[in-house]
Amino acid sequence: ELRHRASPWQRNLGYPLAMLGLLALTGISVLIVCFHVLELLLDDAAMPRGIQDASLGQVSFSIFGSFGAALQVVLIFYLMLSSVVGFYSSPLFTRLLPERRDTPLTKIIGNCVSLLVLSSALPVFSRTLGITRFDLLGDFGRFDWLGNFYIVFLYNMGFAGLTTLCLVKRVSWAVQAELIRAFGEDR
C-alpha cells in the first residue's frame, strides 16, 4: 500500500538510489573484510588487539585519511542499522517488535535490553571485522579471544561469505523475478 501511494519520483528515483546505496555499502564492507582477511594471513599486526600508545589526533586510523575515517563511520552506522533490522527480522524476535500505542512495559524493557546488547557488541564487531582499528573509547583489545587467529579469521570469513551469499541471493532473485515479469512468464 505504501508503494502505491509513493510519488513517481520516489518510486523511480528514490527507491533505486536507496537500493544502490545499500548495495554499495554492503559491497564496501565485504571488500574491507576481505582485505582484512588477507592482512590476517600476511601480517600478525592485523589482529584486533589493543592499540598501544594511540596518538589521537596525530595519526589517522585510516589508510585513506579523512575520507577513510568518514567511510569507517558510515560503515559502522550501516552495520548498526543492519544488525538492528536483522535482529527484528529474525523469526525468534519478531514478537519483540514494538507496536504503536500498544506496547506493554515488559516488551519495552526487552527492546531496551536488546538494543543495549547490540550497541555494546558493535565496537567489538567492527574491530574484529577490521572495519576500524580504533578502540572506540573502550579497551576492547583486552579480550583474549581477539588475539586468537583462528577465531578472528573464521569470524571474518563467515561474515564475508554469508554477506556475499545473502547479497547474491537477494539481487539474483530480484533480477530473476523482474525478468520473469518482463517476459510475461508469470501468467
N, C-alpha and C. Protein backbone atom coordinates (compact mmCIF):
# COMPACT_ATOMS: atom_id res chain seq x y z
N GLU A 1 0.82 -1.19 0.00
CA GLU A 1 0.00 0.00 0.00
C GLU A 1 0.87 1.26 0.00
N LEU A 2 1.96 1.23 0.77
CA LEU A 2 2.85 2.39 0.80
C LEU A 2 3.52 2.61 -0.55
N ARG A 3 3.86 1.51 -1.26
CA ARG A 3 4.48 1.65 -2.57
C ARG A 3 3.55 2.31 -3.57
N HIS A 4 2.27 1.97 -3.52
CA HIS A 4 1.32 2.54 -4.46
C HIS A 4 1.04 4.01 -4.16
N ARG A 5 1.13 4.41 -2.90
CA ARG A 5 0.91 5.81 -2.54
C ARG A 5 2.15 6.67 -2.75
N ALA A 6 3.31 6.07 -3.00
CA ALA A 6 4.54 6.83 -3.18
C ALA A 6 4.48 7.62 -4.49
N SER A 7 5.15 8.75 -4.49
CA SER A 7 5.16 9.58 -5.70
C SER A 7 6.02 8.92 -6.77
N PRO A 8 5.82 9.30 -8.03
CA PRO A 8 6.65 8.71 -9.10
C PRO A 8 8.14 8.99 -8.91
N TRP A 9 8.47 10.15 -8.37
CA TRP A 9 9.89 10.46 -8.10
C TRP A 9 10.45 9.50 -7.08
N GLN A 10 9.66 9.26 -6.06
CA GLN A 10 10.12 8.35 -5.01
C GLN A 10 10.25 6.93 -5.53
N ARG A 11 9.30 6.47 -6.33
CA ARG A 11 9.35 5.11 -6.88
C ARG A 11 10.46 4.94 -7.91
N ASN A 12 10.62 5.95 -8.78
CA ASN A 12 11.56 5.80 -9.89
C ASN A 12 12.96 6.29 -9.60
N LEU A 13 13.12 7.13 -8.59
CA LEU A 13 14.45 7.64 -8.28
C LEU A 13 14.88 7.30 -6.86
N GLY A 14 13.98 7.49 -5.91
CA GLY A 14 14.33 7.30 -4.50
C GLY A 14 14.64 5.86 -4.14
N TYR A 15 13.75 4.94 -4.50
CA TYR A 15 13.95 3.54 -4.15
C TYR A 15 15.18 2.94 -4.84
N PRO A 16 15.37 3.18 -6.15
CA PRO A 16 16.59 2.64 -6.77
C PRO A 16 17.88 3.21 -6.20
N LEU A 17 17.88 4.51 -5.87
CA LEU A 17 19.09 5.09 -5.26
C LEU A 17 19.35 4.52 -3.87
N ALA A 18 18.30 4.31 -3.12
CA ALA A 18 18.46 3.70 -1.79
C ALA A 18 19.00 2.28 -1.92
N MET A 19 18.48 1.54 -2.89
CA MET A 19 18.95 0.17 -3.11
C MET A 19 20.41 0.15 -3.55
N LEU A 20 20.77 1.06 -4.46
CA LEU A 20 22.18 1.14 -4.89
C LEU A 20 23.09 1.54 -3.73
N GLY A 21 22.61 2.44 -2.87
CA GLY A 21 23.40 2.82 -1.70
C GLY A 21 23.62 1.65 -0.75
N LEU A 22 22.56 0.88 -0.51
CA LEU A 22 22.69 -0.30 0.35
C LEU A 22 23.62 -1.34 -0.27
N LEU A 23 23.50 -1.55 -1.58
CA LEU A 23 24.39 -2.49 -2.26
C LEU A 23 25.84 -2.01 -2.19
N ALA A 24 26.05 -0.70 -2.36
CA ALA A 24 27.41 -0.17 -2.30
C ALA A 24 28.00 -0.32 -0.90
N LEU A 25 27.22 0.01 0.13
CA LEU A 25 27.72 -0.13 1.50
C LEU A 25 28.02 -1.58 1.85
N THR A 26 27.15 -2.49 1.40
CA THR A 26 27.40 -3.91 1.66
C THR A 26 28.64 -4.38 0.92
N GLY A 27 28.77 -3.97 -0.34
CA GLY A 27 29.96 -4.36 -1.11
C GLY A 27 31.24 -3.81 -0.53
N ILE A 28 31.22 -2.55 -0.09
CA ILE A 28 32.41 -1.95 0.52
C ILE A 28 32.77 -2.67 1.80
N SER A 29 31.78 -2.99 2.63
CA SER A 29 32.09 -3.68 3.88
C SER A 29 32.66 -5.08 3.61
N VAL A 30 32.14 -5.78 2.59
CA VAL A 30 32.68 -7.11 2.25
C VAL A 30 34.11 -6.97 1.73
N LEU A 31 34.37 -5.94 0.91
CA LEU A 31 35.73 -5.73 0.40
C LEU A 31 36.71 -5.43 1.53
N ILE A 32 36.29 -4.60 2.47
CA ILE A 32 37.17 -4.28 3.60
C ILE A 32 37.45 -5.53 4.43
N VAL A 33 36.43 -6.35 4.64
CA VAL A 33 36.64 -7.58 5.40
C VAL A 33 37.55 -8.54 4.63
N CYS A 34 37.40 -8.62 3.30
CA CYS A 34 38.29 -9.48 2.50
C CYS A 34 39.73 -9.00 2.57
N PHE A 35 39.93 -7.68 2.51
CA PHE A 35 41.30 -7.15 2.66
C PHE A 35 41.84 -7.43 4.06
N HIS A 36 40.96 -7.38 5.06
CA HIS A 36 41.39 -7.69 6.42
C HIS A 36 41.79 -9.16 6.55
N VAL A 37 41.07 -10.04 5.85
CA VAL A 37 41.44 -11.46 5.85
C VAL A 37 42.82 -11.64 5.24
N LEU A 38 43.08 -10.93 4.13
CA LEU A 38 44.42 -11.01 3.53
C LEU A 38 45.48 -10.47 4.47
N GLU A 39 45.18 -9.38 5.16
CA GLU A 39 46.12 -8.83 6.14
C GLU A 39 46.37 -9.83 7.27
N LEU A 40 45.31 -10.51 7.70
CA LEU A 40 45.47 -11.51 8.76
C LEU A 40 46.40 -12.63 8.31
N LEU A 41 46.28 -13.03 7.06
CA LEU A 41 47.13 -14.12 6.55
C LEU A 41 48.57 -13.68 6.38
N LEU A 42 48.80 -12.40 6.09
CA LEU A 42 50.15 -11.94 5.79
C LEU A 42 50.88 -11.28 6.96
N ASP A 43 50.13 -10.68 7.87
CA ASP A 43 50.77 -9.89 8.92
C ASP A 43 50.06 -10.11 10.25
N ASP A 44 50.82 -10.40 11.28
CA ASP A 44 50.27 -10.61 12.62
C ASP A 44 49.77 -9.31 13.23
N ALA A 45 50.24 -8.16 12.72
CA ALA A 45 49.84 -6.87 13.29
C ALA A 45 48.38 -6.54 12.96
N ALA A 46 47.76 -7.28 12.07
CA ALA A 46 46.36 -7.02 11.71
C ALA A 46 45.38 -7.58 12.72
N MET A 47 45.86 -8.33 13.69
CA MET A 47 44.98 -8.87 14.72
C MET A 47 44.36 -7.72 15.52
N PRO A 48 43.10 -7.84 15.91
CA PRO A 48 42.40 -6.74 16.59
C PRO A 48 42.73 -6.63 18.08
N ARG A 49 44.00 -6.57 18.39
CA ARG A 49 44.39 -6.39 19.80
C ARG A 49 44.33 -4.91 20.14
N GLY A 50 44.54 -4.59 21.38
CA GLY A 50 44.52 -3.20 21.81
C GLY A 50 45.65 -2.41 21.20
N ILE A 51 45.38 -1.14 20.98
CA ILE A 51 46.39 -0.25 20.41
C ILE A 51 47.23 0.31 21.55
N GLN A 52 48.52 0.14 21.44
CA GLN A 52 49.41 0.69 22.44
C GLN A 52 49.81 2.10 22.01
N ASP A 53 49.75 3.01 22.94
CA ASP A 53 50.14 4.39 22.71
C ASP A 53 49.40 4.99 21.52
N ALA A 54 48.10 4.94 21.54
CA ALA A 54 47.31 5.53 20.46
C ALA A 54 47.41 7.04 20.54
N SER A 55 47.94 7.64 19.51
CA SER A 55 48.12 9.08 19.48
C SER A 55 46.92 9.70 18.76
N LEU A 56 45.87 9.96 19.52
CA LEU A 56 44.65 10.50 18.94
C LEU A 56 44.91 11.89 18.38
N GLY A 57 44.47 12.11 17.16
CA GLY A 57 44.62 13.40 16.52
C GLY A 57 45.94 13.60 15.81
N GLN A 58 46.93 12.78 16.10
CA GLN A 58 48.23 12.93 15.47
C GLN A 58 48.38 12.01 14.27
N VAL A 59 47.80 10.83 14.35
CA VAL A 59 47.90 9.84 13.28
C VAL A 59 46.50 9.39 12.91
N SER A 60 46.22 9.29 11.61
CA SER A 60 44.91 8.83 11.17
C SER A 60 44.82 7.32 11.35
N PHE A 61 43.66 6.86 11.76
CA PHE A 61 43.44 5.43 11.92
C PHE A 61 43.06 4.77 10.61
N SER A 62 43.00 5.54 9.54
CA SER A 62 42.64 5.01 8.24
C SER A 62 43.77 5.25 7.25
N ILE A 63 43.91 4.34 6.31
CA ILE A 63 44.92 4.49 5.26
C ILE A 63 44.59 5.68 4.38
N PHE A 64 43.30 5.94 4.16
CA PHE A 64 42.85 6.99 3.24
C PHE A 64 42.61 8.32 3.92
N GLY A 65 43.10 8.51 5.13
CA GLY A 65 42.99 9.79 5.82
C GLY A 65 41.57 10.12 6.25
N SER A 66 41.18 11.37 6.03
CA SER A 66 39.87 11.83 6.47
C SER A 66 38.73 11.12 5.74
N PHE A 67 38.91 10.88 4.44
CA PHE A 67 37.89 10.16 3.68
C PHE A 67 37.70 8.76 4.24
N GLY A 68 38.78 8.07 4.54
CA GLY A 68 38.69 6.72 5.10
C GLY A 68 38.04 6.71 6.47
N ALA A 69 38.35 7.73 7.28
CA ALA A 69 37.74 7.81 8.61
C ALA A 69 36.23 8.05 8.48
N ALA A 70 35.83 8.93 7.55
CA ALA A 70 34.40 9.17 7.33
C ALA A 70 33.72 7.90 6.80
N LEU A 71 34.41 7.16 5.93
CA LEU A 71 33.86 5.91 5.42
C LEU A 71 33.70 4.89 6.54
N GLN A 72 34.65 4.84 7.46
CA GLN A 72 34.54 3.93 8.60
C GLN A 72 33.33 4.27 9.46
N VAL A 73 33.10 5.55 9.67
CA VAL A 73 31.95 5.98 10.48
C VAL A 73 30.65 5.59 9.78
N VAL A 74 30.56 5.83 8.47
CA VAL A 74 29.36 5.47 7.72
C VAL A 74 29.14 3.96 7.77
N LEU A 75 30.21 3.18 7.61
CA LEU A 75 30.07 1.72 7.64
C LEU A 75 29.67 1.22 9.02
N ILE A 76 30.16 1.84 10.07
CA ILE A 76 29.78 1.44 11.42
C ILE A 76 28.29 1.73 11.65
N PHE A 77 27.81 2.89 11.19
CA PHE A 77 26.38 3.18 11.31
C PHE A 77 25.56 2.21 10.46
N TYR A 78 26.05 1.87 9.27
CA TYR A 78 25.35 0.92 8.42
C TYR A 78 25.29 -0.45 9.10
N LEU A 79 26.39 -0.89 9.69
CA LEU A 79 26.38 -2.18 10.38
C LEU A 79 25.45 -2.15 11.58
N MET A 80 25.39 -1.01 12.26
CA MET A 80 24.49 -0.89 13.40
C MET A 80 23.04 -1.02 12.94
N LEU A 81 22.67 -0.28 11.90
CA LEU A 81 21.29 -0.33 11.42
C LEU A 81 20.94 -1.69 10.84
N SER A 82 21.87 -2.29 10.10
CA SER A 82 21.57 -3.60 9.52
C SER A 82 21.48 -4.68 10.59
N SER A 83 22.25 -4.55 11.67
CA SER A 83 22.13 -5.54 12.73
C SER A 83 20.81 -5.39 13.48
N VAL A 84 20.34 -4.17 13.66
CA VAL A 84 19.04 -3.96 14.31
C VAL A 84 17.91 -4.48 13.42
N VAL A 85 17.97 -4.18 12.12
CA VAL A 85 16.95 -4.68 11.20
C VAL A 85 16.99 -6.20 11.13
N GLY A 86 18.18 -6.77 11.08
CA GLY A 86 18.30 -8.22 11.05
C GLY A 86 17.81 -8.87 12.33
N PHE A 87 18.05 -8.21 13.45
CA PHE A 87 17.59 -8.73 14.74
C PHE A 87 16.08 -8.80 14.79
N TYR A 88 15.43 -7.69 14.40
CA TYR A 88 13.97 -7.67 14.45
C TYR A 88 13.33 -8.45 13.31
N SER A 89 14.08 -8.82 12.29
CA SER A 89 13.54 -9.62 11.19
C SER A 89 13.65 -11.12 11.45
N SER A 90 14.46 -11.50 12.42
CA SER A 90 14.61 -12.92 12.70
C SER A 90 13.32 -13.47 13.32
N PRO A 91 12.98 -14.71 12.98
CA PRO A 91 11.70 -15.26 13.45
C PRO A 91 11.57 -15.32 14.98
N LEU A 92 12.69 -15.43 15.66
CA LEU A 92 12.65 -15.56 17.11
C LEU A 92 12.27 -14.24 17.79
N PHE A 93 12.64 -13.11 17.17
CA PHE A 93 12.45 -11.82 17.84
C PHE A 93 11.41 -10.92 17.17
N THR A 94 10.64 -11.42 16.23
CA THR A 94 9.62 -10.58 15.61
C THR A 94 8.52 -10.20 16.60
N ARG A 95 8.29 -11.05 17.59
CA ARG A 95 7.28 -10.74 18.61
C ARG A 95 7.73 -9.60 19.52
N LEU A 96 9.03 -9.30 19.55
CA LEU A 96 9.55 -8.24 20.41
C LEU A 96 9.38 -6.86 19.78
N LEU A 97 9.05 -6.81 18.51
CA LEU A 97 8.91 -5.55 17.80
C LEU A 97 7.81 -4.71 18.45
N PRO A 98 8.11 -3.46 18.79
CA PRO A 98 7.09 -2.63 19.46
C PRO A 98 5.93 -2.30 18.53
N GLU A 99 4.75 -2.17 19.12
CA GLU A 99 3.54 -1.82 18.39
C GLU A 99 3.11 -0.42 18.81
N ARG A 100 2.65 0.33 17.86
CA ARG A 100 2.29 1.72 18.13
C ARG A 100 1.12 1.79 19.11
N ARG A 101 1.31 2.51 20.20
CA ARG A 101 0.31 2.76 21.25
C ARG A 101 -0.21 1.50 21.92
N ASP A 102 0.50 0.39 21.76
CA ASP A 102 0.03 -0.84 22.39
C ASP A 102 1.22 -1.73 22.75
N THR A 103 2.23 -1.15 23.36
CA THR A 103 3.42 -1.92 23.73
C THR A 103 3.47 -2.04 25.25
N PRO A 104 3.41 -3.26 25.77
CA PRO A 104 3.49 -3.42 27.23
C PRO A 104 4.89 -3.10 27.74
N LEU A 105 4.96 -2.82 29.04
CA LEU A 105 6.23 -2.42 29.65
C LEU A 105 7.28 -3.51 29.54
N THR A 106 6.90 -4.76 29.64
CA THR A 106 7.89 -5.84 29.54
C THR A 106 8.50 -5.89 28.15
N LYS A 107 7.72 -5.59 27.14
CA LYS A 107 8.24 -5.56 25.78
C LYS A 107 9.18 -4.36 25.58
N ILE A 108 8.86 -3.24 26.19
CA ILE A 108 9.73 -2.05 26.13
C ILE A 108 11.07 -2.35 26.80
N ILE A 109 11.02 -3.01 27.96
CA ILE A 109 12.25 -3.37 28.66
C ILE A 109 13.05 -4.37 27.84
N GLY A 110 12.38 -5.33 27.22
CA GLY A 110 13.06 -6.29 26.35
C GLY A 110 13.74 -5.61 25.16
N ASN A 111 13.07 -4.62 24.57
CA ASN A 111 13.67 -3.86 23.48
C ASN A 111 14.88 -3.07 23.95
N CYS A 112 14.79 -2.45 25.12
CA CYS A 112 15.92 -1.69 25.67
C CYS A 112 17.11 -2.60 25.92
N VAL A 113 16.87 -3.76 26.48
CA VAL A 113 17.96 -4.71 26.74
C VAL A 113 18.57 -5.19 25.43
N SER A 114 17.74 -5.49 24.46
CA SER A 114 18.23 -5.96 23.16
C SER A 114 19.08 -4.91 22.47
N LEU A 115 18.61 -3.66 22.46
CA LEU A 115 19.37 -2.59 21.83
C LEU A 115 20.65 -2.29 22.59
N LEU A 116 20.63 -2.43 23.90
CA LEU A 116 21.85 -2.23 24.69
C LEU A 116 22.88 -3.29 24.37
N VAL A 117 22.45 -4.54 24.26
CA VAL A 117 23.38 -5.62 23.91
C VAL A 117 23.94 -5.42 22.50
N LEU A 118 23.08 -5.06 21.56
CA LEU A 118 23.55 -4.83 20.18
C LEU A 118 24.54 -3.67 20.11
N SER A 119 24.26 -2.58 20.82
CA SER A 119 25.15 -1.43 20.77
C SER A 119 26.45 -1.69 21.52
N SER A 120 26.41 -2.54 22.53
CA SER A 120 27.65 -2.88 23.23
C SER A 120 28.53 -3.81 22.41
N ALA A 121 27.92 -4.63 21.57
CA ALA A 121 28.69 -5.55 20.74
C ALA A 121 29.24 -4.89 19.49
N LEU A 122 28.71 -3.73 19.11
CA LEU A 122 29.12 -3.08 17.87
C LEU A 122 30.61 -2.71 17.82
N PRO A 123 31.21 -2.14 18.87
CA PRO A 123 32.64 -1.84 18.77
C PRO A 123 33.51 -3.08 18.58
N VAL A 124 33.19 -4.16 19.27
CA VAL A 124 33.97 -5.39 19.12
C VAL A 124 33.73 -5.98 17.73
N PHE A 125 32.51 -5.91 17.26
CA PHE A 125 32.14 -6.41 15.94
C PHE A 125 32.93 -5.68 14.84
N SER A 126 32.90 -4.35 14.87
CA SER A 126 33.60 -3.59 13.84
C SER A 126 35.11 -3.73 13.97
N ARG A 127 35.59 -3.90 15.17
CA ARG A 127 37.03 -4.09 15.39
C ARG A 127 37.49 -5.46 14.90
N THR A 128 36.70 -6.50 15.15
CA THR A 128 37.06 -7.85 14.73
C THR A 128 37.02 -7.97 13.21
N LEU A 129 36.08 -7.29 12.57
CA LEU A 129 35.98 -7.35 11.11
C LEU A 129 37.04 -6.51 10.41
N GLY A 130 37.77 -5.69 11.14
CA GLY A 130 38.81 -4.88 10.53
C GLY A 130 38.28 -3.61 9.91
N ILE A 131 37.06 -3.23 10.21
CA ILE A 131 36.50 -2.00 9.65
C ILE A 131 37.14 -0.79 10.31
N THR A 132 37.45 -0.89 11.57
CA THR A 132 38.16 0.18 12.25
C THR A 132 39.20 -0.42 13.18
N ARG A 133 40.24 0.34 13.46
CA ARG A 133 41.26 -0.10 14.41
C ARG A 133 41.13 0.66 15.72
N PHE A 134 40.28 1.63 15.74
CA PHE A 134 40.10 2.47 16.91
C PHE A 134 39.36 1.71 18.00
N ASP A 135 39.75 1.89 19.25
CA ASP A 135 39.15 1.17 20.37
C ASP A 135 37.77 1.70 20.76
N LEU A 136 37.32 2.80 20.16
CA LEU A 136 36.02 3.38 20.45
C LEU A 136 35.84 3.66 21.94
N LEU A 137 36.85 4.21 22.54
CA LEU A 137 36.87 4.64 23.94
C LEU A 137 36.63 3.51 24.92
N GLY A 138 36.90 2.32 24.51
CA GLY A 138 36.84 1.17 25.40
C GLY A 138 38.05 0.32 25.12
N ASP A 139 38.52 -0.39 26.08
CA ASP A 139 39.72 -1.20 25.85
C ASP A 139 39.28 -2.60 25.43
N PHE A 140 38.70 -2.69 24.24
CA PHE A 140 38.19 -3.96 23.74
C PHE A 140 39.32 -4.88 23.30
N GLY A 141 40.52 -4.34 23.15
CA GLY A 141 41.66 -5.17 22.76
C GLY A 141 42.13 -6.09 23.86
N ARG A 142 41.59 -5.95 25.06
CA ARG A 142 42.00 -6.82 26.16
C ARG A 142 41.29 -8.16 26.16
N PHE A 143 40.29 -8.33 25.30
CA PHE A 143 39.63 -9.63 25.20
C PHE A 143 40.63 -10.63 24.66
N ASP A 144 40.81 -11.74 25.38
CA ASP A 144 41.80 -12.73 24.98
C ASP A 144 41.48 -13.36 23.63
N TRP A 145 40.21 -13.56 23.34
CA TRP A 145 39.87 -14.23 22.10
C TRP A 145 40.16 -13.37 20.88
N LEU A 146 40.32 -12.04 21.06
CA LEU A 146 40.69 -11.19 19.93
C LEU A 146 42.13 -11.44 19.49
N GLY A 147 42.91 -12.12 20.31
CA GLY A 147 44.27 -12.47 19.93
C GLY A 147 44.36 -13.85 19.31
N ASN A 148 43.26 -14.59 19.27
CA ASN A 148 43.25 -15.93 18.69
C ASN A 148 43.02 -15.81 17.17
N PHE A 149 44.01 -16.18 16.40
CA PHE A 149 43.96 -16.04 14.95
C PHE A 149 42.80 -16.80 14.34
N TYR A 150 42.56 -18.02 14.79
CA TYR A 150 41.53 -18.86 14.17
C TYR A 150 40.13 -18.30 14.39
N ILE A 151 39.84 -17.81 15.56
CA ILE A 151 38.52 -17.25 15.84
C ILE A 151 38.30 -16.01 14.98
N VAL A 152 39.29 -15.10 14.95
CA VAL A 152 39.15 -13.87 14.17
C VAL A 152 39.06 -14.19 12.68
N PHE A 153 39.89 -15.12 12.21
CA PHE A 153 39.89 -15.50 10.79
C PHE A 153 38.56 -16.12 10.39
N LEU A 154 38.05 -17.06 11.19
CA LEU A 154 36.77 -17.69 10.87
C LEU A 154 35.60 -16.71 10.98
N TYR A 155 35.67 -15.80 11.91
CA TYR A 155 34.64 -14.77 12.06
C TYR A 155 34.59 -13.88 10.81
N ASN A 156 35.77 -13.46 10.34
CA ASN A 156 35.84 -12.63 9.13
C ASN A 156 35.39 -13.41 7.90
N MET A 157 35.81 -14.65 7.78
CA MET A 157 35.42 -15.47 6.62
C MET A 157 33.90 -15.74 6.65
N GLY A 158 33.36 -16.00 7.83
CA GLY A 158 31.93 -16.23 7.95
C GLY A 158 31.13 -14.99 7.56
N PHE A 159 31.57 -13.83 8.04
CA PHE A 159 30.88 -12.59 7.69
C PHE A 159 30.94 -12.34 6.19
N ALA A 160 32.13 -12.45 5.59
CA ALA A 160 32.27 -12.20 4.16
C ALA A 160 31.46 -13.20 3.34
N GLY A 161 31.54 -14.47 3.70
CA GLY A 161 30.83 -15.50 2.95
C GLY A 161 29.32 -15.37 3.05
N LEU A 162 28.81 -15.20 4.27
CA LEU A 162 27.36 -15.12 4.46
C LEU A 162 26.78 -13.83 3.89
N THR A 163 27.51 -12.74 4.02
CA THR A 163 27.04 -11.48 3.46
C THR A 163 27.01 -11.54 1.94
N THR A 164 28.04 -12.11 1.35
CA THR A 164 28.07 -12.27 -0.10
C THR A 164 26.95 -13.19 -0.57
N LEU A 165 26.73 -14.27 0.16
CA LEU A 165 25.65 -15.19 -0.19
C LEU A 165 24.29 -14.50 -0.13
N CYS A 166 24.04 -13.75 0.92
CA CYS A 166 22.77 -13.03 1.04
C CYS A 166 22.63 -11.98 -0.06
N LEU A 167 23.72 -11.29 -0.36
CA LEU A 167 23.68 -10.27 -1.40
C LEU A 167 23.39 -10.88 -2.77
N VAL A 168 24.07 -11.96 -3.09
CA VAL A 168 23.86 -12.61 -4.38
C VAL A 168 22.45 -13.18 -4.47
N LYS A 169 22.00 -13.79 -3.38
CA LYS A 169 20.65 -14.37 -3.37
C LYS A 169 19.60 -13.29 -3.56
N ARG A 170 19.73 -12.19 -2.82
CA ARG A 170 18.74 -11.12 -2.88
C ARG A 170 18.74 -10.45 -4.26
N VAL A 171 19.92 -10.15 -4.79
CA VAL A 171 19.99 -9.47 -6.08
C VAL A 171 19.58 -10.41 -7.21
N SER A 172 20.07 -11.64 -7.18
CA SER A 172 19.75 -12.55 -8.28
C SER A 172 18.27 -12.92 -8.29
N TRP A 173 17.65 -13.09 -7.13
CA TRP A 173 16.22 -13.39 -7.09
C TRP A 173 15.41 -12.20 -7.58
N ALA A 174 15.83 -10.99 -7.22
CA ALA A 174 15.10 -9.81 -7.68
C ALA A 174 15.22 -9.65 -9.19
N VAL A 175 16.42 -9.87 -9.72
CA VAL A 175 16.62 -9.77 -11.17
C VAL A 175 15.83 -10.88 -11.87
N GLN A 176 15.87 -12.07 -11.33
CA GLN A 176 15.13 -13.19 -11.93
C GLN A 176 13.63 -12.92 -11.93
N ALA A 177 13.10 -12.40 -10.85
CA ALA A 177 11.68 -12.08 -10.78
C ALA A 177 11.30 -10.99 -11.78
N GLU A 178 12.16 -9.98 -11.93
CA GLU A 178 11.88 -8.92 -12.90
C GLU A 178 11.93 -9.44 -14.33
N LEU A 179 12.89 -10.32 -14.62
CA LEU A 179 12.97 -10.89 -15.96
C LEU A 179 11.74 -11.75 -16.27
N ILE A 180 11.31 -12.53 -15.31
CA ILE A 180 10.11 -13.35 -15.49
C ILE A 180 8.89 -12.46 -15.72
N ARG A 181 8.80 -11.38 -14.93
CA ARG A 181 7.68 -10.46 -15.08
C ARG A 181 7.76 -9.72 -16.42
N ALA A 182 8.97 -9.34 -16.86
CA ALA A 182 9.12 -8.60 -18.12
C ALA A 182 8.77 -9.45 -19.33
N PHE A 183 9.08 -10.72 -19.29
CA PHE A 183 8.80 -11.59 -20.43
C PHE A 183 7.41 -12.20 -20.36
N GLY A 184 6.65 -11.86 -19.33
CA GLY A 184 5.28 -12.32 -19.22
C GLY A 184 5.14 -13.78 -18.88
N GLU A 185 6.17 -14.37 -18.26
CA GLU A 185 6.12 -15.78 -17.91
C GLU A 185 5.42 -16.02 -16.56
N ASP A 186 5.03 -14.95 -15.88
CA ASP A 186 4.40 -15.12 -14.58
C ASP A 186 2.91 -15.44 -14.68
N ARG A 187 2.36 -15.41 -15.87
CA ARG A 187 0.93 -15.70 -16.04
C ARG A 187 0.67 -17.14 -16.18
